Amino acid sequence: SDLGGFRVNAELQARSNIWVAGDAACFYDLK
């Protein structure tokens, strides 16, 4: 809701068997 894009974890996984990359990915940066 804040940054836009599909929320994914640090492995770029949105949910089981779905990954998102690039501009559309709201990912968790480990740092």
PDB file of all heavy atoms in Angstrom:
ATOM      1  N   SER A   1       0.809  -1.218   0.000  1.00  0.00           N
ATOM      2  CA  SER A   1       0.000   0.000   0.000  1.00  0.00           C
ATOM      3  C   SER A   1       0.842   1.269   0.000  1.00  0.00           C
ATOM      4  O   SER A   1       0.384   2.329  -0.432  1.00  0.00           O
ATOM      5  CB  SER A   1      -0.939   0.008   1.217  1.00  0.00           C
ATOM      6  OG  SER A   1      -0.190  -0.089   2.418  1.00  0.00           O
ATOM      7  N   ASP A   2       2.083   1.180   0.458  1.00  0.00           N
ATOM      8  CA  ASP A   2       2.938   2.366   0.532  1.00  0.00           C
ATOM      9  C   ASP A   2       3.800   2.552  -0.710  1.00  0.00           C
ATOM     10  O   ASP A   2       3.870   3.645  -1.273  1.00  0.00           O
ATOM     11  CB  ASP A   2       3.842   2.288   1.763  1.00  0.00           C
ATOM     12  CG  ASP A   2       3.058   2.330   3.064  1.00  0.00           C
ATOM     13  OD1 ASP A   2       2.026   3.040   3.105  1.00  0.00           O
ATOM     14  OD2 ASP A   2       3.456   1.646   4.019  1.00  0.00           O
ATOM     15  N   LEU A   3       4.450   1.499  -1.149  1.00  0.00           N
ATOM     16  CA  LEU A   3       5.413   1.596  -2.245  1.00  0.00           C
ATOM     17  C   LEU A   3       4.839   1.152  -3.580  1.00  0.00           C
ATOM     18  O   LEU A   3       5.425   1.422  -4.631  1.00  0.00           O
ATOM     19  CB  LEU A   3       6.655   0.757  -1.920  1.00  0.00           C
ATOM     20  CG  LEU A   3       7.399   1.156  -0.640  1.00  0.00           C
ATOM     21  CD1 LEU A   3       8.534   0.187  -0.360  1.00  0.00           C
ATOM     22  CD2 LEU A   3       7.927   2.575  -0.738  1.00  0.00           C
ATOM     23  N   GLY A   4       3.698   0.457  -3.565  1.00  0.00           N
ATOM     24  CA  GLY A   4       3.147  -0.072  -4.803  1.00  0.00           C
ATOM     25  C   GLY A   4       3.856  -1.348  -5.208  1.00  0.00           C
ATOM     26  O   GLY A   4       4.909  -1.716  -4.674  1.00  0.00           O
ATOM     27  N   GLY A   5       3.308  -2.046  -6.167  1.00  0.00           N
ATOM     28  CA  GLY A   5       3.921  -3.272  -6.647  1.00  0.00           C
ATOM     29  C   GLY A   5       3.525  -4.492  -5.829  1.00  0.00           C
ATOM     30  O   GLY A   5       2.932  -4.384  -4.754  1.00  0.00           O
ATOM     31  N   PHE A   6       3.867  -5.659  -6.354  1.00  0.00           N
ATOM     32  CA  PHE A   6       3.566  -6.928  -5.686  1.00  0.00           C
ATOM     33  C   PHE A   6       4.556  -7.140  -4.540  1.00  0.00           C
ATOM     34  O   PHE A   6       5.764  -7.070  -4.733  1.00  0.00           O
ATOM     35  CB  PHE A   6       3.677  -8.089  -6.679  1.00  0.00           C
ATOM     36  CG  PHE A   6       2.726  -7.998  -7.827  1.00  0.00           C
ATOM     37  CD1 PHE A   6       3.153  -7.556  -9.070  1.00  0.00           C
ATOM     38  CD2 PHE A   6       1.387  -8.368  -7.691  1.00  0.00           C
ATOM     39  CE1 PHE A   6       2.280  -7.482 -10.140  1.00  0.00           C
ATOM     40  CE2 PHE A   6       0.511  -8.297  -8.750  1.00  0.00           C
ATOM     41  CZ  PHE A   6       0.948  -7.850  -9.982  1.00  0.00           C
ATOM     42  N   ARG A   7       4.033  -7.421  -3.374  1.00  0.00           N
ATOM     43  CA  ARG A   7       4.895  -7.667  -2.210  1.00  0.00           C
ATOM     44  C   ARG A   7       5.520  -9.040  -2.302  1.00  0.00           C
ATOM     45  O   ARG A   7       4.829 -10.041  -2.441  1.00  0.00           O
ATOM     46  CB  ARG A   7       4.047  -7.584  -0.943  1.00  0.00           C
ATOM     47  CG  ARG A   7       4.533  -6.555   0.060  1.00  0.00           C
ATOM     48  CD  ARG A   7       3.572  -6.497   1.220  1.00  0.00           C
ATOM     49  NE  ARG A   7       4.233  -6.711   2.471  1.00  0.00           N
ATOM     50  CZ  ARG A   7       4.784  -5.759   3.192  1.00  0.00           C
ATOM     51  NH1 ARG A   7       4.738  -4.520   2.769  1.00  0.00           N
ATOM     52  NH2 ARG A   7       5.386  -6.035   4.318  1.00  0.00           N
ATOM     53  N   VAL A   8       6.865  -9.097  -2.229  1.00  0.00           N
ATOM     54  CA  VAL A   8       7.581 -10.367  -2.285  1.00  0.00           C
ATOM     55  C   VAL A   8       8.584 -10.424  -1.145  1.00  0.00           C
ATOM     56  O   VAL A   8       8.920  -9.399  -0.535  1.00  0.00           O
ATOM     57  CB  VAL A   8       8.310 -10.558  -3.636  1.00  0.00           C
ATOM     58  CG1 VAL A   8       7.324 -10.581  -4.786  1.00  0.00           C
ATOM     59  CG2 VAL A   8       9.351  -9.457  -3.862  1.00  0.00           C
ATOM     60  N   ASN A   9       9.093 -11.619  -0.859  1.00  0.00           N
ATOM     61  CA  ASN A   9      10.095 -11.760   0.197  1.00  0.00           C
ATOM     62  C   ASN A   9      11.500 -11.526  -0.367  1.00  0.00           C
ATOM     63  O   ASN A   9      11.655 -11.083  -1.513  1.00  0.00           O
ATOM     64  CB  ASN A   9       9.965 -13.132   0.868  1.00  0.00           C
ATOM     65  CG  ASN A   9      10.179 -14.287  -0.110  1.00  0.00           C
ATOM     66  OD1 ASN A   9      10.739 -14.105  -1.194  1.00  0.00           O
ATOM     67  ND2 ASN A   9       9.749 -15.480   0.283  1.00  0.00           N
ATOM     68  N   ALA A  10      12.508 -11.835   0.418  1.00  0.00           N
ATOM     69  CA  ALA A  10      13.884 -11.598  -0.015  1.00  0.00           C
ATOM     70  C   ALA A  10      14.291 -12.490  -1.172  1.00  0.00           C
ATOM     71  O   ALA A  10      15.271 -12.220  -1.871  1.00  0.00           O
ATOM     72  CB  ALA A  10      14.844 -11.796   1.157  1.00  0.00           C
ATOM     73  N   GLU A  11      13.543 -13.570  -1.406  1.00  0.00           N
ATOM     74  CA  GLU A  11      13.818 -14.464  -2.546  1.00  0.00           C
ATOM     75  C   GLU A  11      12.952 -14.104  -3.756  1.00  0.00           C
ATOM     76  O   GLU A  11      12.899 -14.853  -4.726  1.00  0.00           O
ATOM     77  CB  GLU A  11      13.564 -15.918  -2.141  1.00  0.00           C
ATOM     78  CG  GLU A  11      14.596 -16.501  -1.182  1.00  0.00           C
ATOM     79  CD  GLU A  11      14.393 -16.002   0.251  1.00  0.00           C
ATOM     80  OE1 GLU A  11      13.225 -15.808   0.649  1.00  0.00           O
ATOM     81  OE2 GLU A  11      15.401 -15.795   0.947  1.00  0.00           O
ATOM     82  N   LEU A  12      12.248 -12.961  -3.683  1.00  0.00           N
ATOM     83  CA  LEU A  12      11.386 -12.456  -4.753  1.00  0.00           C
ATOM     84  C   LEU A  12      10.143 -13.313  -4.967  1.00  0.00           C
ATOM     85  O   LEU A  12       9.532 -13.290  -6.032  1.00  0.00           O
ATOM     86  CB  LEU A  12      12.163 -12.318  -6.076  1.00  0.00           C
ATOM     87  CG  LEU A  12      13.446 -11.489  -6.009  1.00  0.00           C
ATOM     88  CD1 LEU A  12      14.129 -11.445  -7.379  1.00  0.00           C
ATOM     89  CD2 LEU A  12      13.158 -10.075  -5.534  1.00  0.00           C
ATOM     90  N   GLN A  13       9.750 -14.068  -3.951  1.00  0.00           N
ATOM     91  CA  GLN A  13       8.582 -14.932  -4.056  1.00  0.00           C
ATOM     92  C   GLN A  13       7.367 -14.228  -3.460  1.00  0.00           C
ATOM     93  O   GLN A  13       7.397 -13.751  -2.323  1.00  0.00           O
ATOM     94  CB  GLN A  13       8.820 -16.253  -3.331  1.00  0.00           C
ATOM     95  CG  GLN A  13       7.731 -17.283  -3.559  1.00  0.00           C
ATOM     96  CD  GLN A  13       8.090 -18.637  -2.969  1.00  0.00           C
ATOM     97  OE1 GLN A  13       8.838 -18.721  -1.993  1.00  0.00           O
ATOM     98  NE2 GLN A  13       7.575 -19.696  -3.543  1.00  0.00           N
ATOM     99  N   ALA A  14       6.287 -14.177  -4.247  1.00  0.00           N
ATOM    100  CA  ALA A  14       5.049 -13.545  -3.795  1.00  0.00           C
ATOM    101  C   ALA A  14       4.190 -14.526  -3.002  1.00  0.00           C
ATOM    102  O   ALA A  14       3.623 -14.177  -1.964  1.00  0.00           O
ATOM    103  CB  ALA A  14       4.265 -13.009  -4.992  1.00  0.00           C
ATOM    104  N   ARG A  15       4.087 -15.719  -3.507  1.00  0.00           N
ATOM    105  CA  ARG A  15       3.410 -16.819  -2.811  1.00  0.00           C
ATOM    106  C   ARG A  15       3.859 -18.107  -3.479  1.00  0.00           C
ATOM    107  O   ARG A  15       4.697 -18.078  -4.379  1.00  0.00           O
ATOM    108  CB  ARG A  15       1.884 -16.667  -2.830  1.00  0.00           C
ATOM    109  CG  ARG A  15       1.259 -16.462  -4.188  1.00  0.00           C
ATOM    110  CD  ARG A  15      -0.229 -16.179  -4.093  1.00  0.00           C
ATOM    111  NE  ARG A  15      -0.973 -17.285  -3.518  1.00  0.00           N
ATOM    112  CZ  ARG A  15      -1.560 -18.224  -4.252  1.00  0.00           C
ATOM    113  NH1 ARG A  15      -1.501 -18.181  -5.561  1.00  0.00           N
ATOM    114  NH2 ARG A  15      -2.208 -19.210  -3.679  1.00  0.00           N
ATOM    115  N   SER A  16       3.324 -19.227  -3.057  1.00  0.00           N
ATOM    116  CA  SER A  16       3.792 -20.505  -3.573  1.00  0.00           C
ATOM    117  C   SER A  16       3.757 -20.537  -5.098  1.00  0.00           C
ATOM    118  O   SER A  16       2.727 -20.267  -5.721  1.00  0.00           O
ATOM    119  CB  SER A  16       2.912 -21.629  -3.015  1.00  0.00           C
ATOM    120  OG  SER A  16       3.341 -22.881  -3.503  1.00  0.00           O
ATOM    121  N   ASN A  17       4.924 -20.809  -5.693  1.00  0.00           N
ATOM    122  CA  ASN A  17       5.071 -20.958  -7.147  1.00  0.00           C
ATOM    123  C   ASN A  17       4.869 -19.677  -7.939  1.00  0.00           C
ATOM    124  O   ASN A  17       4.663 -19.718  -9.156  1.00  0.00           O
ATOM    125  CB  ASN A  17       4.120 -22.039  -7.681  1.00  0.00           C
ATOM    126  CG  ASN A  17       4.432 -23.405  -7.114  1.00  0.00           C
ATOM    127  OD1 ASN A  17       5.606 -23.748  -6.917  1.00  0.00           O
ATOM    128  ND2 ASN A  17       3.406 -24.184  -6.808  1.00  0.00           N
ATOM    129  N   ILE A  18       4.953 -18.506  -7.295  1.00  0.00           N
ATOM    130  CA  ILE A  18       4.860 -17.227  -8.013  1.00  0.00           C
ATOM    131  C   ILE A  18       5.999 -16.322  -7.550  1.00  0.00           C
ATOM    132  O   ILE A  18       6.157 -16.053  -6.359  1.00  0.00           O
ATOM    133  CB  ILE A  18       3.511 -16.525  -7.768  1.00  0.00           C
ATOM    134  CG1 ILE A  18       2.355 -17.383  -8.272  1.00  0.00           C
ATOM    135  CG2 ILE A  18       3.486 -15.165  -8.492  1.00  0.00           C
ATOM    136  CD1 ILE A  18       0.988 -16.763  -8.022  1.00  0.00           C
ATOM    137  N   TRP A  19       6.803 -15.857  -8.496  1.00  0.00           N
ATOM    138  CA  TRP A  19       7.891 -14.929  -8.233  1.00  0.00           C
ATOM    139  C   TRP A  19       7.675 -13.654  -9.042  1.00  0.00           C
ATOM    140  O   TRP A  19       7.072 -13.697 -10.122  1.00  0.00           O
ATOM    141  CB  TRP A  19       9.240 -15.544  -8.619  1.00  0.00           C
ATOM    142  CG  TRP A  19       9.723 -16.615  -7.689  1.00  0.00           C
ATOM    143  CD1 TRP A  19      10.660 -16.477  -6.705  1.00  0.00           C
ATOM    144  CD2 TRP A  19       9.314 -17.984  -7.655  1.00  0.00           C
ATOM    145  NE1 TRP A  19      10.848 -17.680  -6.053  1.00  0.00           N
ATOM    146  CE2 TRP A  19      10.034 -18.623  -6.626  1.00  0.00           C
ATOM    147  CE3 TRP A  19       8.394 -18.729  -8.401  1.00  0.00           C
ATOM    148  CZ2 TRP A  19       9.875 -19.965  -6.309  1.00  0.00           C
ATOM    149  CZ3 TRP A  19       8.230 -20.062  -8.090  1.00  0.00           C
ATOM    150  CH2 TRP A  19       8.962 -20.674  -7.059  1.00  0.00           C
ATOM    151  N   VAL A  20       8.156 -12.539  -8.548  1.00  0.00           N
ATOM    152  CA  VAL A  20       8.027 -11.254  -9.239  1.00  0.00           C
ATOM    153  C   VAL A  20       9.384 -10.559  -9.242  1.00  0.00           C
ATOM    154  O   VAL A  20      10.072 -10.540  -8.215  1.00  0.00           O
ATOM    155  CB  VAL A  20       6.986 -10.339  -8.555  1.00  0.00           C
ATOM    156  CG1 VAL A  20       6.810  -9.051  -9.350  1.00  0.00           C
ATOM    157  CG2 VAL A  20       5.646 -11.056  -8.403  1.00  0.00           C
ATOM    158  N   ALA A  21       9.773  -9.989 -10.364  1.00  0.00           N
ATOM    159  CA  ALA A  21      11.058  -9.292 -10.475  1.00  0.00           C
ATOM    160  C   ALA A  21      10.853  -7.933 -11.134  1.00  0.00           C
ATOM    161  O   ALA A  21       9.775  -7.623 -11.638  1.00  0.00           O
ATOM    162  CB  ALA A  21      12.045 -10.136 -11.284  1.00  0.00           C
ATOM    163  N   GLY A  22      11.915  -7.117 -11.114  1.00  0.00           N
ATOM    164  CA  GLY A  22      11.880  -5.828 -11.800  1.00  0.00           C
ATOM    165  C   GLY A  22      11.089  -4.766 -11.065  1.00  0.00           C
ATOM    166  O   GLY A  22      10.878  -4.831  -9.853  1.00  0.00           O
ATOM    167  N   ASP A  23      10.628  -3.759 -11.819  1.00  0.00           N
ATOM    168  CA  ASP A  23       9.943  -2.603 -11.240  1.00  0.00           C
ATOM    169  C   ASP A  23       8.686  -2.976 -10.471  1.00  0.00           C
ATOM    170  O   ASP A  23       8.269  -2.262  -9.557  1.00  0.00           O
ATOM    171  CB  ASP A  23       9.553  -1.612 -12.342  1.00  0.00           C
ATOM    172  CG  ASP A  23      10.743  -1.113 -13.137  1.00  0.00           C
ATOM    173  OD1 ASP A  23      11.877  -1.420 -12.747  1.00  0.00           O
ATOM    174  OD2 ASP A  23      10.538  -0.419 -14.144  1.00  0.00           O
ATOM    175  N   ALA A  24       8.044  -4.081 -10.838  1.00  0.00           N
ATOM    176  CA  ALA A  24       6.771  -4.459 -10.219  1.00  0.00           C
ATOM    177  C   ALA A  24       6.943  -5.128  -8.867  1.00  0.00           C
ATOM    178  O   ALA A  24       5.965  -5.329  -8.151  1.00  0.00           O
ATOM    179  CB  ALA A  24       5.994  -5.396 -11.151  1.00  0.00           C
ATOM    180  N   ALA A  25       8.170  -5.465  -8.489  1.00  0.00           N
ATOM    181  CA  ALA A  25       8.416  -6.193  -7.247  1.00  0.00           C
ATOM    182  C   ALA A  25       8.687  -5.235  -6.090  1.00  0.00           C
ATOM    183  O   ALA A  25       9.599  -4.401  -6.160  1.00  0.00           O
ATOM    184  CB  ALA A  25       9.602  -7.140  -7.412  1.00  0.00           C
ATOM    185  N   CYS A  26       7.911  -5.340  -5.033  1.00  0.00           N
ATOM    186  CA  CYS A  26       8.200  -4.629  -3.784  1.00  0.00           C
ATOM    187  C   CYS A  26       8.862  -5.656  -2.873  1.00  0.00           C
ATOM    188  O   CYS A  26       8.189  -6.463  -2.231  1.00  0.00           O
ATOM    189  CB  CYS A  26       6.917  -4.074  -3.177  1.00  0.00           C
ATOM    190  SG  CYS A  26       7.205  -3.120  -1.677  1.00  0.00           S
ATOM    191  N   PHE A  27      10.169  -5.668  -2.853  1.00  0.00           N
ATOM    192  CA  PHE A  27      10.925  -6.757  -2.247  1.00  0.00           C
ATOM    193  C   PHE A  27      11.486  -6.373  -0.879  1.00  0.00           C
ATOM    194  O   PHE A  27      11.561  -5.194  -0.526  1.00  0.00           O
ATOM    195  CB  PHE A  27      12.075  -7.187  -3.170  1.00  0.00           C
ATOM    196  CG  PHE A  27      13.114  -6.114  -3.397  1.00  0.00           C
ATOM    197  CD1 PHE A  27      14.310  -6.126  -2.687  1.00  0.00           C
ATOM    198  CD2 PHE A  27      12.913  -5.109  -4.333  1.00  0.00           C
ATOM    199  CE1 PHE A  27      15.277  -5.149  -2.893  1.00  0.00           C
ATOM    200  CE2 PHE A  27      13.870  -4.123  -4.550  1.00  0.00           C
ATOM    201  CZ  PHE A  27      15.047  -4.143  -3.825  1.00  0.00           C
ATOM    202  N   TYR A  28      11.883  -7.390  -0.133  1.00  0.00           N
ATOM    203  CA  TYR A  28      12.502  -7.153   1.170  1.00  0.00           C
ATOM    204  C   TYR A  28      14.013  -7.165   1.005  1.00  0.00           C
ATOM    205  O   TYR A  28      14.613  -8.188   0.693  1.00  0.00           O
ATOM    206  CB  TYR A  28      12.082  -8.195   2.207  1.00  0.00           C
ATOM    207  CG  TYR A  28      12.675  -7.915   3.562  1.00  0.00           C
ATOM    208  CD1 TYR A  28      12.182  -6.875   4.333  1.00  0.00           C
ATOM    209  CD2 TYR A  28      13.752  -8.644   4.044  1.00  0.00           C
ATOM    210  CE1 TYR A  28      12.742  -6.575   5.567  1.00  0.00           C
ATOM    211  CE2 TYR A  28      14.322  -8.355   5.276  1.00  0.00           C
ATOM    212  CZ  TYR A  28      13.803  -7.314   6.032  1.00  0.00           C
ATOM    213  OH  TYR A  28      14.369  -7.008   7.241  1.00  0.00           O
ATOM    214  N   ASP A  29      14.626  -5.992   1.187  1.00  0.00           N
ATOM    215  CA  ASP A  29      16.077  -5.841   1.120  1.00  0.00           C
ATOM    216  C   ASP A  29      16.646  -6.224   2.482  1.00  0.00           C
ATOM    217  O   ASP A  29      16.301  -5.628   3.503  1.00  0.00           O
ATOM    218  CB  ASP A  29      16.415  -4.385   0.775  1.00  0.00           C
ATOM    219  CG  ASP A  29      17.900  -4.158   0.530  1.00  0.00           C
ATOM    220  OD1 ASP A  29      18.720  -4.665   1.318  1.00  0.00           O
ATOM    221  OD2 ASP A  29      18.237  -3.455  -0.444  1.00  0.00           O
ATOM    222  N   LEU A  30      17.528  -7.216   2.507  1.00  0.00           N
ATOM    223  CA  LEU A  30      18.060  -7.736   3.769  1.00  0.00           C
ATOM    224  C   LEU A  30      18.833  -6.689   4.563  1.00  0.00           C
ATOM    225  O   LEU A  30      18.975  -6.805   5.778  1.00  0.00           O
ATOM    226  CB  LEU A  30      18.953  -8.942   3.490  1.00  0.00           C
ATOM    227  CG  LEU A  30      18.233 -10.176   2.905  1.00  0.00           C
ATOM    228  CD1 LEU A  30      19.241 -11.225   2.492  1.00  0.00           C
ATOM    229  CD2 LEU A  30      17.247 -10.746   3.899  1.00  0.00           C
ATOM    230  N   LYS A  31      19.323  -5.659   3.890  1.00  0.00           N
ATOM    231  CA  LYS A  31      20.078  -4.606   4.568  1.00  0.00           C
ATOM    232  C   LYS A  31      19.260  -3.339   4.796  1.00  0.00           C
ATOM    233  O   LYS A  31      19.402  -2.673   5.822  1.00  0.00           O
ATOM    234  CB  LYS A  31      21.333  -4.251   3.753  1.00  0.00           C
ATOM    235  CG  LYS A  31      22.480  -5.217   3.954  1.00  0.00           C
ATOM    236  CD  LYS A  31      23.003  -5.126   5.391  1.00  0.00           C
ATOM    237  CE  LYS A  31      24.151  -6.093   5.627  1.00  0.00           C
ATOM    238  NZ  LYS A  31      24.617  -6.054   7.036  1.00  0.00           N
TER     239      LYS A  31
END
